C-alpha atoms as a PDB file:
ATOM      1  CA  UNK A   1       8.379 -22.833 -24.903  1.00  0.00           C
ATOM      2  CA  UNK A   2       7.324 -25.799 -22.769  1.00  0.00           C
ATOM      3  CA  UNK A   3       5.020 -25.081 -19.819  1.00  0.00           C
ATOM      4  CA  UNK A   4       4.017 -26.943 -16.679  1.00  0.00           C
ATOM      5  CA  UNK A   5       0.269 -27.049 -16.110  1.00  0.00           C
ATOM      6  CA  UNK A   6      -0.994 -26.478 -12.570  1.00  0.00           C
ATOM      7  CA  UNK A   7      -4.429 -27.119 -11.184  1.00  0.00           C
ATOM      8  CA  UNK A   8      -6.600 -23.974 -10.916  1.00  0.00           C
ATOM      9  CA  UNK A   9      -5.330 -21.784  -8.091  1.00  0.00           C
ATOM     10  CA  UNK A  10      -4.497 -18.317  -6.844  1.00  0.00           C
ATOM     11  CA  UNK A  11      -1.438 -17.872  -9.045  1.00  0.00           C
ATOM     12  CA  UNK A  12      -1.831 -14.163  -9.798  1.00  0.00           C
ATOM     13  CA  UNK A  13       1.494 -12.630  -8.737  1.00  0.00           C
ATOM     14  CA  UNK A  14       2.899 -10.283  -7.601  1.00  0.00           C
ATOM     15  CA  UNK A  15       0.250  -8.700  -5.401  1.00  0.00           C
ATOM     16  CA  UNK A  16       0.388  -5.897  -2.820  1.00  0.00           C
ATOM     17  CA  UNK A  17       0.971  -6.799   0.818  1.00  0.00           C
ATOM     18  CA  UNK A  18      -0.981  -4.086   2.605  1.00  0.00           C
ATOM     19  CA  UNK A  19      -1.682  -3.550   6.271  1.00  0.00           C
ATOM     20  CA  UNK A  20      -5.391  -3.040   6.814  1.00  0.00           C
ATOM     21  CA  UNK A  21      -6.289  -1.284  10.048  1.00  0.00           C
ATOM     22  CA  UNK A  22      -9.748  -1.409  11.576  1.00  0.00           C
ATOM     23  CA  UNK A  23     -11.451  -0.690  14.879  1.00  0.00           C
ATOM     24  CA  UNK A  24     -14.709   0.088  16.648  1.00  0.00           C
ATOM     25  CA  UNK A  25     -13.576   2.506  19.341  1.00  0.00           C
ATOM     26  CA  UNK A  26     -12.992  -0.176  21.957  1.00  0.00           C
ATOM     27  CA  UNK A  27     -10.702  -2.422  19.933  1.00  0.00           C
ATOM     28  CA  UNK A  28      -8.275  -1.790  17.108  1.00  0.00           C
ATOM     29  CA  UNK A  29      -6.440  -4.263  14.918  1.00  0.00           C
ATOM     30  CA  UNK A  30      -4.231  -4.727  11.859  1.00  0.00           C
ATOM     31  CA  UNK A  31      -4.572  -7.520   9.334  1.00  0.00           C
ATOM     32  CA  UNK A  32      -2.124  -8.016   6.476  1.00  0.00           C
ATOM     33  CA  UNK A  33      -3.892  -8.663   3.182  1.00  0.00           C
ATOM     34  CA  UNK A  34      -2.596  -9.458  -0.287  1.00  0.00           C
ATOM     35  CA  UNK A  35      -5.990  -9.822  -1.954  1.00  0.00           C
ATOM     36  CA  UNK A  36      -6.908  -6.238  -2.650  1.00  0.00           C
ATOM     37  CA  UNK A  37      -7.047  -3.908  -5.625  1.00  0.00           C
ATOM     38  CA  UNK A  38      -8.870  -1.140  -7.481  1.00  0.00           C
ATOM     39  CA  UNK A  39     -12.210  -1.930  -9.124  1.00  0.00           C
ATOM     40  CA  UNK A  40     -13.450   1.509 -10.223  1.00  0.00           C
ATOM     41  CA  UNK A  41     -12.055   4.999 -10.742  1.00  0.00           C
ATOM     42  CA  UNK A  42     -15.038   7.344 -10.371  1.00  0.00           C
ATOM     43  CA  UNK A  43     -16.028   6.999  -7.631  1.00  0.00           C
ATOM     44  CA  UNK A  44     -12.761   5.379  -6.516  1.00  0.00           C
ATOM     45  CA  UNK A  45     -13.587   1.864  -5.347  1.00  0.00           C
ATOM     46  CA  UNK A  46     -11.471  -0.868  -3.817  1.00  0.00           C
ATOM     47  CA  UNK A  47     -11.909  -4.154  -1.984  1.00  0.00           C
ATOM     48  CA  UNK A  48     -10.303  -6.464   0.543  1.00  0.00           C
ATOM     49  CA  UNK A  49     -10.982 -10.201   0.722  1.00  0.00           C
ATOM     50  CA  UNK A  50     -10.904 -11.495   4.294  1.00  0.00           C
ATOM     51  CA  UNK A  51     -11.257 -15.036   5.624  1.00  0.00           C
ATOM     52  CA  UNK A  52     -14.469 -15.421   7.621  1.00  0.00           C
ATOM     53  CA  UNK A  53     -12.527 -16.726  10.638  1.00  0.00           C
ATOM     54  CA  UNK A  54     -10.257 -13.692  10.945  1.00  0.00           C
ATOM     55  CA  UNK A  55     -10.601 -11.387  13.934  1.00  0.00           C
ATOM     56  CA  UNK A  56     -10.727  -8.338  11.642  1.00  0.00           C
ATOM     57  CA  UNK A  57     -13.586  -9.787   9.594  1.00  0.00           C
ATOM     58  CA  UNK A  58     -16.119  -9.176  12.349  1.00  0.00           C
ATOM     59  CA  UNK A  59     -14.746  -5.696  13.071  1.00  0.00           C
ATOM     60  CA  UNK A  60     -14.983  -4.588   9.435  1.00  0.00           C
ATOM     61  CA  UNK A  61     -18.416  -6.167   9.071  1.00  0.00           C
ATOM     62  CA  UNK A  62     -19.730  -4.323  12.137  1.00  0.00           C
ATOM     63  CA  UNK A  63     -18.153  -0.929  11.498  1.00  0.00           C
ATOM     64  CA  UNK A  64     -18.247  -0.842   7.702  1.00  0.00           C
ATOM     65  CA  UNK A  65     -14.856   0.885   7.650  1.00  0.00           C
ATOM     66  CA  UNK A  66     -11.178   0.089   7.208  1.00  0.00           C
ATOM     67  CA  UNK A  67      -7.923   1.742   6.153  1.00  0.00           C
ATOM     68  CA  UNK A  68      -5.490   0.295   3.601  1.00  0.00           C
ATOM     69  CA  UNK A  69      -1.961   1.245   4.678  1.00  0.00           C
ATOM     70  CA  UNK A  70       0.769   0.683   2.092  1.00  0.00           C
ATOM     71  CA  UNK A  71       3.745  -1.376   3.243  1.00  0.00           C
ATOM     72  CA  UNK A  72       7.378  -0.328   2.873  1.00  0.00           C
ATOM     73  CA  UNK A  73      10.631  -2.245   3.283  1.00  0.00           C
ATOM     74  CA  UNK A  74      10.925  -0.879   6.834  1.00  0.00           C
ATOM     75  CA  UNK A  75       7.403  -2.098   7.642  1.00  0.00           C
ATOM     76  CA  UNK A  76       7.750  -5.583   6.128  1.00  0.00           C
ATOM     77  CA  UNK A  77       8.600  -7.308   9.422  1.00  0.00           C
ATOM     78  CA  UNK A  78       5.558  -5.730  11.049  1.00  0.00           C
ATOM     79  CA  UNK A  79       3.397  -6.616   8.059  1.00  0.00           C
ATOM     80  CA  UNK A  80       4.430 -10.260   8.248  1.00  0.00           C
ATOM     81  CA  UNK A  81       3.806 -10.310  12.011  1.00  0.00           C
ATOM     82  CA  UNK A  82       0.354  -8.808  11.549  1.00  0.00           C
ATOM     83  CA  UNK A  83      -0.400 -11.469   8.959  1.00  0.00           C
ATOM     84  CA  UNK A  84       0.396 -14.465  11.162  1.00  0.00           C
ATOM     85  CA  UNK A  85      -0.624 -13.254  14.622  1.00  0.00           C
ATOM     86  CA  UNK A  86      -4.253 -12.835  15.662  1.00  0.00           C
ATOM     87  CA  UNK A  87      -5.644  -9.672  17.185  1.00  0.00           C
ATOM     88  CA  UNK A  88      -7.587 -11.924  19.557  1.00  0.00           C
ATOM     89  CA  UNK A  89      -4.301 -12.691  21.298  1.00  0.00           C
ATOM     90  CA  UNK A  90      -2.067  -9.636  20.904  1.00  0.00           C
ATOM     91  CA  UNK A  91      -2.219  -5.885  20.429  1.00  0.00           C
ATOM     92  CA  UNK A  92      -0.392  -5.623  17.111  1.00  0.00           C
ATOM     93  CA  UNK A  93       0.005  -1.848  17.320  1.00  0.00           C
ATOM     94  CA  UNK A  94       1.787  -2.184  20.658  1.00  0.00           C
ATOM     95  CA  UNK A  95       3.818  -5.285  19.794  1.00  0.00           C
ATOM     96  CA  UNK A  96       5.194  -3.764  16.576  1.00  0.00           C
ATOM     97  CA  UNK A  97       5.496  -0.234  18.002  1.00  0.00           C
ATOM     98  CA  UNK A  98       3.104   1.184  15.407  1.00  0.00           C
ATOM     99  CA  UNK A  99       1.140   4.391  15.935  1.00  0.00           C
ATOM    100  CA  UNK A 100      -2.647   4.319  15.637  1.00  0.00           C
ATOM    101  CA  UNK A 101      -3.321   7.815  14.312  1.00  0.00           C
ATOM    102  CA  UNK A 102      -6.685   9.473  13.761  1.00  0.00           C
ATOM    103  CA  UNK A 103      -8.020   9.083  10.226  1.00  0.00           C
ATOM    104  CA  UNK A 104      -9.465  12.022   8.299  1.00  0.00           C
ATOM    105  CA  UNK A 105     -12.927  10.642   7.489  1.00  0.00           C
ATOM    106  CA  UNK A 106     -13.420   7.162   8.933  1.00  0.00           C
ATOM    107  CA  UNK A 107     -13.531   6.358  12.643  1.00  0.00           C
ATOM    108  CA  UNK A 108     -10.989   3.534  12.644  1.00  0.00           C
ATOM    109  CA  UNK A 109      -7.266   4.327  12.992  1.00  0.00           C
ATOM    110  CA  UNK A 110      -4.615   4.674  10.304  1.00  0.00           C
ATOM    111  CA  UNK A 111      -1.018   3.514  10.695  1.00  0.00           C
ATOM    112  CA  UNK A 112       1.122   6.620  11.097  1.00  0.00           C
ATOM    113  CA  UNK A 113       4.312   4.889   9.931  1.00  0.00           C
ATOM    114  CA  UNK A 114       2.797   3.944   6.568  1.00  0.00           C
ATOM    115  CA  UNK A 115       3.501   6.482   3.791  1.00  0.00           C
ATOM    116  CA  UNK A 116       0.012   6.188   2.295  1.00  0.00           C
ATOM    117  CA  UNK A 117      -3.263   5.711   4.177  1.00  0.00           C
ATOM    118  CA  UNK A 118      -6.338   4.906   2.070  1.00  0.00           C
ATOM    119  CA  UNK A 119      -9.546   5.316   4.059  1.00  0.00           C
ATOM    120  CA  UNK A 120     -12.424   3.124   2.932  1.00  0.00           C
ATOM    121  CA  UNK A 121     -16.134   2.791   3.641  1.00  0.00           C
ATOM    122  CA  UNK A 122     -17.832  -0.513   2.856  1.00  0.00           C
ATOM    123  CA  UNK A 123     -20.727  -0.405   0.395  1.00  0.00           C
ATOM    124  CA  UNK A 124     -21.197  -4.122  -0.205  1.00  0.00           C
ATOM    125  CA  UNK A 125     -20.153  -7.499   1.153  1.00  0.00           C
ATOM    126  CA  UNK A 126     -19.900 -10.412  -1.273  1.00  0.00           C
ATOM    127  CA  UNK A 127     -19.719 -13.870   0.274  1.00  0.00           C
ATOM    128  CA  UNK A 128     -17.585 -16.692  -1.120  1.00  0.00           C
ATOM    129  CA  UNK A 129     -16.738 -20.149   0.291  1.00  0.00           C
ATOM    130  CA  UNK A 130     -13.447 -19.187   1.997  1.00  0.00           C
ATOM    131  CA  UNK A 131     -13.406 -15.382   1.962  1.00  0.00           C
ATOM    132  CA  UNK A 132     -15.789 -12.450   2.069  1.00  0.00           C
ATOM    133  CA  UNK A 133     -15.063  -9.526  -0.226  1.00  0.00           C
ATOM    134  CA  UNK A 134     -15.691  -6.122   1.315  1.00  0.00           C
ATOM    135  CA  UNK A 135     -16.259  -3.709  -1.575  1.00  0.00           C
ATOM    136  CA  UNK A 136     -15.626  -0.153  -0.446  1.00  0.00           C
ATOM    137  CA  UNK A 137     -15.480   3.438  -1.620  1.00  0.00           C
ATOM    138  CA  UNK A 138     -12.229   5.297  -1.032  1.00  0.00           C
ATOM    139  CA  UNK A 139     -13.257   8.361   0.973  1.00  0.00           C
ATOM    140  CA  UNK A 140      -9.862   9.891   1.787  1.00  0.00           C
ATOM    141  CA  UNK A 141      -6.169   9.422   1.022  1.00  0.00           C
ATOM    142  CA  UNK A 142      -3.303  10.744   3.165  1.00  0.00           C
ATOM    143  CA  UNK A 143       0.293  10.781   1.897  1.00  0.00           C
ATOM    144  CA  UNK A 144       3.568  11.656   3.626  1.00  0.00           C
ATOM    145  CA  UNK A 145       4.587  15.159   2.546  1.00  0.00           C
ATOM    146  CA  UNK A 146       8.164  14.024   1.892  1.00  0.00           C
ATOM    147  CA  UNK A 147       6.861  11.998  -1.062  1.00  0.00           C
ATOM    148  CA  UNK A 148       5.694  15.158  -2.818  1.00  0.00           C
ATOM    149  CA  UNK A 149       8.276  16.828  -5.067  1.00  0.00           C
ATOM    150  CA  UNK A 150       8.660  20.553  -5.749  1.00  0.00           C
ATOM    151  CA  UNK A 151       6.082  20.405  -8.561  1.00  0.00           C
ATOM    152  CA  UNK A 152       3.454  18.791  -6.348  1.00  0.00           C
ATOM    153  CA  UNK A 153       3.854  15.396  -7.984  1.00  0.00           C
ATOM    154  CA  UNK A 154       3.471  12.278  -5.845  1.00  0.00           C
ATOM    155  CA  UNK A 155       6.675  10.194  -5.979  1.00  0.00           C
ATOM    156  CA  UNK A 156       5.607   6.753  -4.808  1.00  0.00           C
ATOM    157  CA  UNK A 157       8.791   5.409  -6.376  1.00  0.00           C
ATOM    158  CA  UNK A 158      10.603   7.042  -3.440  1.00  0.00           C
ATOM    159  CA  UNK A 159       8.510   5.255  -0.802  1.00  0.00           C
ATOM    160  CA  UNK A 160      10.341   1.909  -0.786  1.00  0.00           C
ATOM    161  CA  UNK A 161       7.174  -0.129  -1.325  1.00  0.00           C
ATOM    162  CA  UNK A 162       7.072  -3.922  -1.360  1.00  0.00           C
ATOM    163  CA  UNK A 163       5.095  -6.614  -3.166  1.00  0.00           C
ATOM    164  CA  UNK A 164       4.195 -10.189  -2.260  1.00  0.00           C
ATOM    165  CA  UNK A 165       5.199 -12.845  -4.767  1.00  0.00           C
ATOM    166  CA  UNK A 166       4.350 -16.535  -4.227  1.00  0.00           C
ATOM    167  CA  UNK A 167       4.996 -16.532  -0.483  1.00  0.00           C
ATOM    168  CA  UNK A 168       7.859 -14.027  -0.409  1.00  0.00           C
ATOM    169  CA  UNK A 169       8.161 -10.263   0.065  1.00  0.00           C
ATOM    170  CA  UNK A 170      10.100  -8.330  -2.560  1.00  0.00           C
ATOM    171  CA  UNK A 171      11.228  -4.720  -2.589  1.00  0.00           C
ATOM    172  CA  UNK A 172      10.084  -2.604  -5.518  1.00  0.00           C
ATOM    173  CA  UNK A 173      13.437  -1.143  -6.417  1.00  0.00           C
ATOM    174  CA  UNK A 174      13.624   2.161  -8.252  1.00  0.00           C
ATOM    175  CA  UNK A 175      14.345   1.064 -11.794  1.00  0.00           C
ATOM    176  CA  UNK A 176      11.806   2.563 -14.143  1.00  0.00           C
ATOM    177  CA  UNK A 177      11.128   0.595 -17.320  1.00  0.00           C
ATOM    178  CA  UNK A 178       8.654   3.045 -18.779  1.00  0.00           C
ATOM    179  CA  UNK A 179       5.593   5.127 -18.046  1.00  0.00           C
ATOM    180  CA  UNK A 180       2.011   4.598 -19.167  1.00  0.00           C
ATOM    181  CA  UNK A 181       1.824   5.087 -22.931  1.00  0.00           C
ATOM    182  CA  UNK A 182       5.591   4.849 -23.545  1.00  0.00           C
ATOM    183  CA  UNK A 183       5.028   2.225 -26.262  1.00  0.00           C
ATOM    184  CA  UNK A 184       3.340   4.826 -28.487  1.00  0.00           C
ATOM    185  CA  UNK A 185       5.138   7.938 -27.241  1.00  0.00           C
ATOM    186  CA  UNK A 186       6.148  10.523 -29.838  1.00  0.00           C
ATOM    187  CA  UNK A 187       9.932  11.090 -30.172  1.00  0.00           C
ATOM    188  CA  UNK A 188       9.603  14.756 -29.166  1.00  0.00           C
ATOM    189  CA  UNK A 189       7.706  13.833 -26.005  1.00  0.00           C
ATOM    190  CA  UNK A 190      10.239  11.164 -25.114  1.00  0.00           C
ATOM    191  CA  UNK A 191      13.086  13.649 -25.624  1.00  0.00           C
ATOM    192  CA  UNK A 192      11.396  16.214 -23.376  1.00  0.00           C
ATOM    193  CA  UNK A 193      10.811  13.666 -20.602  1.00  0.00           C
ATOM    194  CA  UNK A 194      14.414  12.451 -20.744  1.00  0.00           C
ATOM    195  CA  UNK A 195      15.628  16.047 -20.496  1.00  0.00           C
ATOM    196  CA  UNK A 196      13.437  16.594 -17.427  1.00  0.00           C
ATOM    197  CA  UNK A 197      14.878  13.440 -15.827  1.00  0.00           C
ATOM    198  CA  UNK A 198      18.454  14.580 -16.435  1.00  0.00           C
ATOM    199  CA  UNK A 199      17.662  17.964 -14.952  1.00  0.00           C
ATOM    200  CA  UNK A 200      16.065  16.413 -11.868  1.00  0.00           C
ATOM    201  CA  UNK A 201      18.935  13.935 -11.411  1.00  0.00           C
ATOM    202  CA  UNK A 202      21.374  16.841 -11.596  1.00  0.00           C
ATOM    203  CA  UNK A 203      19.510  18.637  -8.816  1.00  0.00           C
ATOM    204  CA  UNK A 204      19.472  15.507  -6.658  1.00  0.00           C
ATOM    205  CA  UNK A 205      23.223  14.969  -7.101  1.00  0.00           C
ATOM    206  CA  UNK A 206      23.911  18.610  -6.244  1.00  0.00           C
ATOM    207  CA  UNK A 207      21.706  18.353  -3.162  1.00  0.00           C
ATOM    208  CA  UNK A 208      23.482  15.188  -2.003  1.00  0.00           C
ATOM    209  CA  UNK A 209      26.862  16.816  -2.613  1.00  0.00           C
ATOM    210  CA  UNK A 210      25.901  19.770  -0.421  1.00  0.00           C
ATOM    211  CA  UNK A 211      24.830  17.383   2.342  1.00  0.00           C
ATOM    212  CA  UNK A 212      28.176  15.564   2.179  1.00  0.00           C
ATOM    213  CA  UNK A 213      30.086  18.865   2.377  1.00  0.00           C
ATOM    214  CA  UNK A 214      28.118  19.867   5.461  1.00  0.00           C
ATOM    215  CA  UNK A 215      28.914  16.531   7.139  1.00  0.00           C
ATOM    216  CA  UNK A 216      32.609  16.998   6.494  1.00  0.00           C
ATOM    217  CA  UNK A 217      32.497  20.361   8.212  1.00  0.00           C
END
């Protein structure tokens, strides 16, 4: 297969488009960031890379805290707005009608409308020519209760999350290709999982049918 060779660049795609909230008590802000990820599991560690000129850079540097708020399809417009507008000029919470809710551990606010709020405390700042990487420990995670199923399992596939791919936002539609380890899964395990899916889908269809009947009444 023929390939076109590009000069070295930030071609890793897709990436998350998260809304990072921060604040120092007097000011609060949201910055949309695509350069973030997990770097350790125990303790859970993450990072955000922020341009030195950004309004949020100074806030995070001073407070040593931030919250990663996952973005959904409904929040994409707000996420884009928060990525192009500066907190020096506008109150992004007010302009996008977002709720600055109290976080569990950190002092800066979380975004109430986001289904998952990941509270972070900075442990290290690594400086690079264009961006500074704030390495942080995840100190608390809050999830909307409606994303928890009857077994207590987190169903992020129901959240309507989005990803950022080469300048565009894309919805992560619910079409499962496989789960971790499916390439080496034993036939009996695969059969059991498929049976569980059919059972769950049957319950969902029955639940939706009941809702429709109630509307008709």
